[in-house]
Amino acid sequence: MEILKIIGPAVLTFFIGIFITPFFTKYFYKYKMWKKSPRTEADTSSEFNSIHNTEHELATPRVGGVIIWISVFLTVAVIFVLSKIFTGGIFGGEFSIFQQLNFFSRSQTVVPLGAFFFAAALGLIDDLLQISGKSTYGKDTLIYRKVKIVFVTLIGLTIALWFYSKLDFSSIHVPFGGQWDLGIWFIPFFIIVMLATFSTSVIDGLDGLAGGVMASVFAAYSLIAFLGNQADISALSGAIAGGIMAFLWFNIPPARFYMGESGMLALTVVLTVIAFLTDSVLLLPIIALPLVATSASDIIQIASYKMFNKRRVFLVAPLHHHFQAQGWPREKVVMRYWIVSVVSSITGVILYLIS
């Protein structure tokens, strides 16, 4: 029955996402929920301009992430309500089907769900400000980045304090080395990990790229949680993966919408929380290797540009745009990212098993 508890929410979230997407897509296009001017990047090289289809980017909605978290919300709500309604008869009793499927629990999923939906709401506000392009926040790239960093830091601090004071988290598992007690330093470590994970949102730049990678990562954590006897977290991770797959169904090039901060902020925040809850945070860089490599390429490019007289390490950053600048078609970049993501996710799960 535990297998059904993991697979059931994932499948339900996928089909809910498939069902609601046409309604949201119609709304996205009706109200033109895309940026009204080209994106502003530090890298304005000719290579950057040559690989971007500006016309496509400016006519593609930026808030596709709502498909994912609304699908997850509806799945949680439907299963929870049905578990309360059907308490008798064939579907009722202590071992009712819906009670078995219910993964909304105070001990495991309240914190990640709260973080997920709160971050999603903040991400949606961010997207709407960017779409309007009227405020200073929407126009000034530097202010935009600083404000986001502050907000993510505050989210990380709030959750870290909850982990440390309410859940008694103060140590992390070191693969092949046992537990490492950080004490009060657990809090800044948590914040750093969340900021680092959030920085990987730069991968949201090609049709289907972010979704495919994220689906593999959450599927891996669903398996890790299952192996660690955390069935509710496993079901939640599976449901998120199901929502991402529904997003991908409509994101075959040319994409109908981009994930935007409404998706990436929610996913990166909840990914951090799940990594800590499953005590496998040090495996996150391996499981999410494409995310780490993409974020690192951006950091290296900026550092090199500022410190070494505008010298660039990559033709274009982030990394997926570098491959484009080398002549790789978008589809080849995306598919190879997906392949590497599957391999790295499997590697992370294996390391979890043997460590």
Protein backbone atom coordinates (compact mmCIF):
# COMPACT_ATOMS: atom_id res chain seq x y z
CA MET A 1 0.00 0.00 0.00
CA GLU A 2 2.95 2.34 0.60
CA ILE A 3 3.90 2.09 -3.08
CA LEU A 4 0.38 3.20 -4.00
CA LYS A 5 0.72 6.10 -1.58
CA ILE A 6 3.79 7.29 -3.47
CA ILE A 7 2.57 6.65 -7.01
CA GLY A 8 -1.05 7.69 -6.47
CA PRO A 9 -0.44 11.40 -5.66
CA ALA A 10 2.15 11.67 -8.46
CA VAL A 11 -0.29 10.33 -11.06
CA LEU A 12 -3.18 12.40 -9.71
CA THR A 13 -1.09 15.59 -9.75
CA PHE A 14 -0.04 14.89 -13.34
CA PHE A 15 -3.62 14.50 -14.57
CA ILE A 16 -4.85 17.50 -12.58
CA GLY A 17 -2.06 19.54 -14.17
CA ILE A 18 -3.02 18.30 -17.63
CA PHE A 19 -6.67 19.22 -16.94
CA ILE A 20 -6.12 22.75 -15.59
CA THR A 21 -3.35 23.86 -17.95
CA PRO A 22 -5.59 24.81 -20.94
CA PHE A 23 -7.63 27.12 -18.68
CA PHE A 24 -4.53 28.83 -17.30
CA THR A 25 -2.88 29.03 -20.73
CA LYS A 26 -5.90 30.85 -22.10
CA TYR A 27 -5.68 33.30 -19.20
CA PHE A 28 -1.91 33.79 -19.62
CA TYR A 29 -2.27 34.76 -23.27
CA LYS A 30 -5.43 36.79 -22.83
CA TYR A 31 -3.70 39.08 -20.36
CA LYS A 32 -0.29 38.93 -22.11
CA MET A 33 1.61 37.71 -19.06
CA TRP A 34 5.08 38.04 -20.53
CA LYS A 35 7.88 40.60 -20.28
CA LYS A 36 7.29 43.71 -22.34
CA SER A 37 10.97 44.29 -23.11
CA PRO A 38 14.05 42.07 -23.70
CA ARG A 39 15.72 40.53 -20.69
CA THR A 40 18.69 42.40 -19.29
CA GLU A 41 21.80 40.34 -18.62
CA ALA A 42 25.37 41.11 -17.62
CA ASP A 43 26.51 39.21 -20.67
CA THR A 44 25.54 41.31 -23.71
CA SER A 45 28.00 39.72 -26.10
CA SER A 46 27.14 39.11 -29.73
CA GLU A 47 27.00 35.38 -28.96
CA PHE A 48 24.29 36.04 -26.36
CA ASN A 49 22.18 38.03 -28.77
CA SER A 50 22.60 35.48 -31.55
CA ILE A 51 21.23 32.53 -29.57
CA HIS A 52 18.15 34.25 -28.19
CA ASN A 53 14.87 34.32 -30.07
CA THR A 54 13.74 37.64 -28.62
CA GLU A 55 10.41 37.58 -30.44
CA HIS A 56 9.58 34.17 -28.95
CA GLU A 57 10.74 35.18 -25.44
CA LEU A 58 8.67 38.38 -25.44
CA ALA A 59 5.49 36.55 -26.48
CA THR A 60 5.74 33.61 -24.04
CA PRO A 61 4.07 33.84 -20.60
CA ARG A 62 6.47 33.83 -17.63
CA VAL A 63 4.21 32.36 -14.95
CA GLY A 64 3.95 28.70 -15.99
CA GLY A 65 5.12 27.60 -12.55
CA VAL A 66 1.61 28.15 -11.19
CA ILE A 67 0.59 24.98 -13.05
CA ILE A 68 2.93 22.97 -10.82
CA TRP A 69 2.04 24.31 -7.40
CA ILE A 70 -1.69 24.63 -8.04
CA SER A 71 -1.70 21.00 -9.21
CA VAL A 72 0.08 19.97 -6.02
CA PHE A 73 -2.29 22.06 -3.89
CA LEU A 74 -5.37 20.50 -5.50
CA THR A 75 -3.93 17.00 -5.04
CA VAL A 76 -3.23 17.58 -1.36
CA ALA A 77 -6.67 19.13 -0.85
CA VAL A 78 -8.61 16.46 -2.75
CA ILE A 79 -6.95 13.51 -1.01
CA PHE A 80 -7.18 15.17 2.43
CA VAL A 81 -10.87 16.05 2.06
CA LEU A 82 -11.77 12.58 0.73
CA SER A 83 -9.87 10.99 3.64
CA LYS A 84 -12.15 12.92 6.01
CA ILE A 85 -15.39 12.31 4.11
CA PHE A 86 -15.07 8.59 3.51
CA THR A 87 -14.76 7.34 7.06
CA GLY A 88 -17.24 4.50 6.75
CA GLY A 89 -18.42 1.83 4.33
CA ILE A 90 -16.26 0.25 1.63
CA PHE A 91 -13.89 3.19 1.39
CA GLY A 92 -13.96 4.03 5.09
CA GLY A 93 -12.56 2.80 8.33
CA GLU A 94 -9.09 3.00 9.78
CA PHE A 95 -7.56 1.49 6.68
CA SER A 96 -9.59 3.39 4.06
CA ILE A 97 -7.99 3.95 0.68
CA PHE A 98 -8.07 7.72 1.01
CA GLN A 99 -6.63 7.69 4.51
CA GLN A 100 -3.82 5.53 3.22
CA LEU A 101 -3.17 7.98 0.35
CA ASN A 102 -3.29 11.08 2.54
CA PHE A 103 0.21 12.53 2.89
CA PHE A 104 -0.68 15.76 4.66
CA SER A 105 0.98 15.22 8.02
CA ARG A 106 2.25 17.53 10.73
CA SER A 107 5.34 15.44 11.36
CA GLN A 108 6.62 15.34 7.77
CA THR A 109 4.93 17.55 5.19
CA VAL A 110 3.46 20.63 6.88
CA VAL A 111 6.79 22.50 6.83
CA PRO A 112 7.77 21.70 3.21
CA LEU A 113 4.22 22.38 1.97
CA GLY A 114 4.10 25.70 3.83
CA ALA A 115 7.49 26.68 2.42
CA PHE A 116 6.45 25.55 -1.07
CA PHE A 117 3.24 27.58 -1.25
CA PHE A 118 4.68 30.66 0.47
CA ALA A 119 7.65 30.74 -1.90
CA ALA A 120 5.29 30.18 -4.84
CA ALA A 121 3.21 33.21 -3.81
CA LEU A 122 6.34 35.37 -3.53
CA GLY A 123 7.54 34.08 -6.90
CA LEU A 124 4.21 34.95 -8.50
CA ILE A 125 4.42 38.50 -7.15
CA ASP A 126 7.96 38.70 -8.54
CA ASP A 127 6.77 37.53 -11.96
CA LEU A 128 3.89 40.00 -12.02
CA LEU A 129 6.23 42.89 -11.18
CA GLN A 130 8.57 41.79 -13.94
CA ILE A 131 5.70 41.48 -16.39
CA SER A 132 4.41 44.97 -15.62
CA GLY A 133 7.91 46.45 -15.94
CA LYS A 134 6.65 49.69 -14.41
CA SER A 135 8.37 49.68 -11.03
CA THR A 136 12.05 50.31 -10.33
CA TYR A 137 12.22 46.70 -9.18
CA GLY A 138 10.98 45.51 -12.54
CA LYS A 139 13.42 47.64 -14.52
CA ASP A 140 16.66 47.67 -12.52
CA THR A 141 18.44 44.30 -12.74
CA LEU A 142 20.76 45.03 -9.78
CA ILE A 143 17.93 45.99 -7.44
CA TYR A 144 15.93 43.02 -8.71
CA ARG A 145 18.67 40.56 -7.76
CA LYS A 146 19.41 42.15 -4.37
CA VAL A 147 15.74 42.13 -3.34
CA LYS A 148 15.38 38.47 -4.31
CA ILE A 149 18.50 37.54 -2.32
CA VAL A 150 17.13 39.34 0.75
CA PHE A 151 13.78 37.58 0.49
CA VAL A 152 15.34 34.14 0.01
CA THR A 153 17.65 34.78 2.97
CA LEU A 154 14.68 35.69 5.16
CA ILE A 155 12.80 32.57 4.05
CA GLY A 156 15.87 30.47 4.79
CA LEU A 157 16.35 32.08 8.21
CA THR A 158 12.71 31.50 9.17
CA ILE A 159 12.76 27.82 8.16
CA ALA A 160 16.21 27.25 9.68
CA LEU A 161 15.04 28.62 13.03
CA TRP A 162 12.03 26.31 12.89
CA PHE A 163 14.25 23.32 12.11
CA TYR A 164 16.69 24.20 14.91
CA SER A 165 14.26 25.23 17.68
CA LYS A 166 11.12 23.19 16.92
CA LEU A 167 12.38 20.10 15.13
CA ASP A 168 15.72 19.84 17.00
CA PHE A 169 17.81 19.74 13.83
CA SER A 170 21.46 20.63 14.44
CA SER A 171 23.42 17.99 12.52
CA ILE A 172 23.81 16.73 8.97
CA HIS A 173 24.71 13.32 7.62
CA VAL A 174 28.11 13.11 5.96
CA PRO A 175 28.18 10.26 3.41
CA PHE A 176 30.53 7.53 4.65
CA GLY A 177 31.30 9.68 7.71
CA GLY A 178 28.23 9.59 9.96
CA GLN A 179 26.54 12.56 11.61
CA TRP A 180 28.25 15.94 11.92
CA ASP A 181 26.86 18.16 14.67
CA LEU A 182 26.86 21.81 13.62
CA GLY A 183 25.17 23.23 16.68
CA ILE A 184 24.01 26.81 16.19
CA TRP A 185 25.95 26.90 12.90
CA PHE A 186 23.20 24.74 11.43
CA ILE A 187 21.19 27.94 10.90
CA PRO A 188 23.67 29.83 8.67
CA PHE A 189 24.49 26.56 6.88
CA PHE A 190 20.81 26.08 6.05
CA ILE A 191 20.57 29.64 4.71
CA ILE A 192 23.68 29.19 2.55
CA VAL A 193 22.30 25.97 1.08
CA MET A 194 18.98 27.63 0.30
CA LEU A 195 20.69 30.59 -1.39
CA ALA A 196 22.92 28.22 -3.36
CA THR A 197 19.93 26.13 -4.43
CA PHE A 198 17.98 29.24 -5.39
CA SER A 199 20.90 30.44 -7.52
CA THR A 200 20.34 27.41 -9.75
CA SER A 201 17.13 29.02 -11.04
CA VAL A 202 19.25 30.47 -13.86
CA ILE A 203 18.69 27.12 -15.57
CA ASP A 204 15.20 28.31 -16.54
CA GLY A 205 16.30 29.57 -19.95
CA LEU A 206 15.40 26.96 -22.57
CA ASP A 207 12.12 25.25 -23.42
CA GLY A 208 11.72 22.26 -21.09
CA LEU A 209 15.21 22.46 -19.59
CA ALA A 210 14.39 23.39 -16.00
CA GLY A 211 11.33 21.14 -15.88
CA GLY A 212 13.13 18.01 -17.05
CA VAL A 213 16.01 18.46 -14.63
CA MET A 214 13.74 19.27 -11.69
CA ALA A 215 11.53 16.26 -12.40
CA SER A 216 14.55 13.95 -12.09
CA VAL A 217 15.72 15.63 -8.88
CA PHE A 218 12.34 15.36 -7.12
CA ALA A 219 11.88 11.78 -8.33
CA ALA A 220 15.26 10.95 -6.74
CA TYR A 221 14.24 12.55 -3.45
CA SER A 222 10.94 10.71 -3.55
CA LEU A 223 12.90 7.46 -3.69
CA ILE A 224 15.34 8.58 -0.98
CA ALA A 225 12.48 9.51 1.36
CA PHE A 226 10.80 6.17 0.65
CA LEU A 227 14.00 4.29 1.45
CA GLY A 228 14.29 6.33 4.65
CA ASN A 229 10.76 5.36 5.76
CA GLN A 230 9.43 8.89 5.25
CA ALA A 231 6.40 7.95 3.18
CA ASP A 232 4.67 11.33 3.37
CA ILE A 233 7.73 13.24 2.18
CA SER A 234 8.16 10.65 -0.54
CA ALA A 235 4.55 11.16 -1.66
CA LEU A 236 4.99 14.95 -1.63
CA SER A 237 8.16 14.75 -3.72
CA GLY A 238 6.39 12.42 -6.12
CA ALA A 239 3.42 14.79 -6.37
CA ILE A 240 5.75 17.70 -7.18
CA ALA A 241 7.45 15.56 -9.84
CA GLY A 242 4.01 14.77 -11.25
CA GLY A 243 3.15 18.46 -11.43
CA ILE A 244 6.42 19.17 -13.22
CA MET A 245 5.68 16.42 -15.75
CA ALA A 246 2.32 18.05 -16.50
CA PHE A 247 4.18 21.33 -17.01
CA LEU A 248 6.58 19.58 -19.38
CA TRP A 249 3.71 18.08 -21.38
CA PHE A 250 2.84 21.58 -22.57
CA ASN A 251 6.42 22.82 -22.74
CA ILE A 252 7.60 20.91 -25.80
CA PRO A 253 9.42 23.45 -28.04
CA PRO A 254 8.20 25.99 -28.77
CA ALA A 255 7.15 26.37 -25.13
CA ARG A 256 3.68 27.65 -24.31
CA PHE A 257 5.02 29.26 -21.16
CA TYR A 258 8.16 29.54 -19.04
CA MET A 259 8.34 28.41 -15.43
CA GLY A 260 9.29 31.83 -14.07
CA GLU A 261 9.97 32.64 -10.42
CA SER A 262 6.49 31.38 -9.50
CA GLY A 263 7.88 27.94 -10.26
CA MET A 264 11.62 28.13 -9.68
CA LEU A 265 11.48 29.94 -6.33
CA ALA A 266 8.91 27.45 -5.01
CA LEU A 267 10.83 24.43 -6.29
CA THR A 268 14.26 25.52 -5.06
CA VAL A 269 12.94 26.42 -1.60
CA VAL A 270 11.03 23.17 -1.09
CA LEU A 271 13.96 21.17 -2.53
CA THR A 272 16.21 22.61 0.17
CA VAL A 273 13.69 21.74 2.88
CA ILE A 274 13.23 18.18 1.61
CA ALA A 275 17.00 17.66 1.36
CA PHE A 276 17.39 18.58 5.04
CA LEU A 277 14.33 16.62 6.18
CA THR A 278 15.68 13.47 4.51
CA ASP A 279 19.12 14.17 6.03
CA SER A 280 20.73 13.95 2.60
CA VAL A 281 21.62 17.57 1.96
CA LEU A 282 25.26 16.79 1.14
CA LEU A 283 24.05 14.56 -1.69
CA LEU A 284 22.10 17.46 -3.20
CA PRO A 285 25.05 18.73 -5.33
CA ILE A 286 25.35 15.26 -6.87
CA ILE A 287 21.65 14.64 -7.40
CA ALA A 288 21.20 18.13 -8.83
CA LEU A 289 24.52 18.22 -10.71
CA PRO A 290 23.17 20.02 -13.82
CA LEU A 291 21.71 22.72 -11.57
CA VAL A 292 25.00 23.12 -9.71
CA ALA A 293 27.08 23.24 -12.90
CA THR A 294 24.78 25.83 -14.46
CA SER A 295 24.82 28.08 -11.41
CA ALA A 296 28.60 27.71 -11.04
CA SER A 297 29.14 28.72 -14.66
CA ASP A 298 27.24 31.94 -14.06
CA ILE A 299 29.28 32.74 -10.94
CA ILE A 300 32.58 31.96 -12.68
CA GLN A 301 31.65 34.09 -15.68
CA ILE A 302 30.71 37.11 -13.57
CA ALA A 303 33.81 36.78 -11.36
CA SER A 304 36.09 36.46 -14.37
CA TYR A 305 34.45 39.41 -16.13
CA LYS A 306 34.88 41.69 -13.12
CA MET A 307 38.28 40.52 -11.87
CA PHE A 308 40.18 39.86 -15.10
CA ASN A 309 39.49 42.85 -17.29
CA LYS A 310 36.17 41.66 -18.78
CA ARG A 311 37.59 38.27 -19.71
CA ARG A 312 34.99 35.54 -20.25
CA VAL A 313 35.55 31.88 -19.39
CA PHE A 314 32.47 30.78 -21.35
CA LEU A 315 31.23 32.12 -24.65
CA VAL A 316 27.96 32.86 -22.88
CA ALA A 317 26.72 32.13 -19.38
CA PRO A 318 24.88 30.23 -17.96
CA LEU A 319 26.33 26.96 -19.22
CA HIS A 320 23.42 25.89 -21.44
CA HIS A 321 23.80 29.09 -23.45
CA HIS A 322 27.52 28.36 -23.84
CA PHE A 323 26.63 25.11 -25.58
CA GLN A 324 24.18 26.99 -27.79
CA ALA A 325 26.89 29.47 -28.72
CA GLN A 326 29.06 26.52 -29.76
CA GLY A 327 26.39 25.55 -32.26
CA TRP A 328 24.31 23.00 -30.37
CA PRO A 329 20.59 23.14 -31.22
CA ARG A 330 18.31 23.92 -28.29
CA GLU A 331 16.84 20.42 -28.38
CA LYS A 332 20.27 18.80 -28.11
CA VAL A 333 21.18 20.95 -25.10
CA VAL A 334 17.91 20.12 -23.34
CA MET A 335 18.02 16.39 -24.03
CA ARG A 336 21.64 16.05 -22.89
CA TYR A 337 20.87 18.00 -19.72
CA TRP A 338 18.02 15.59 -19.06
CA ILE A 339 20.30 12.58 -19.59
CA VAL A 340 22.95 13.93 -17.22
CA SER A 341 20.22 14.75 -14.70
CA VAL A 342 18.88 11.19 -14.72
CA VAL A 343 22.39 9.75 -14.33
CA SER A 344 23.32 12.13 -11.49
CA SER A 345 19.99 11.47 -9.72
CA ILE A 346 20.53 7.71 -9.88
CA THR A 347 24.09 8.17 -8.63
CA GLY A 348 22.84 10.19 -5.67
CA VAL A 349 20.29 7.54 -4.72
CA ILE A 350 22.96 4.81 -4.91
CA LEU A 351 25.29 6.84 -2.69
CA TYR A 352 22.42 7.27 -0.21
CA LEU A 353 21.95 3.49 -0.12
CA ILE A 354 25.59 2.60 0.44
CA SER A 355 26.55 5.41 2.79
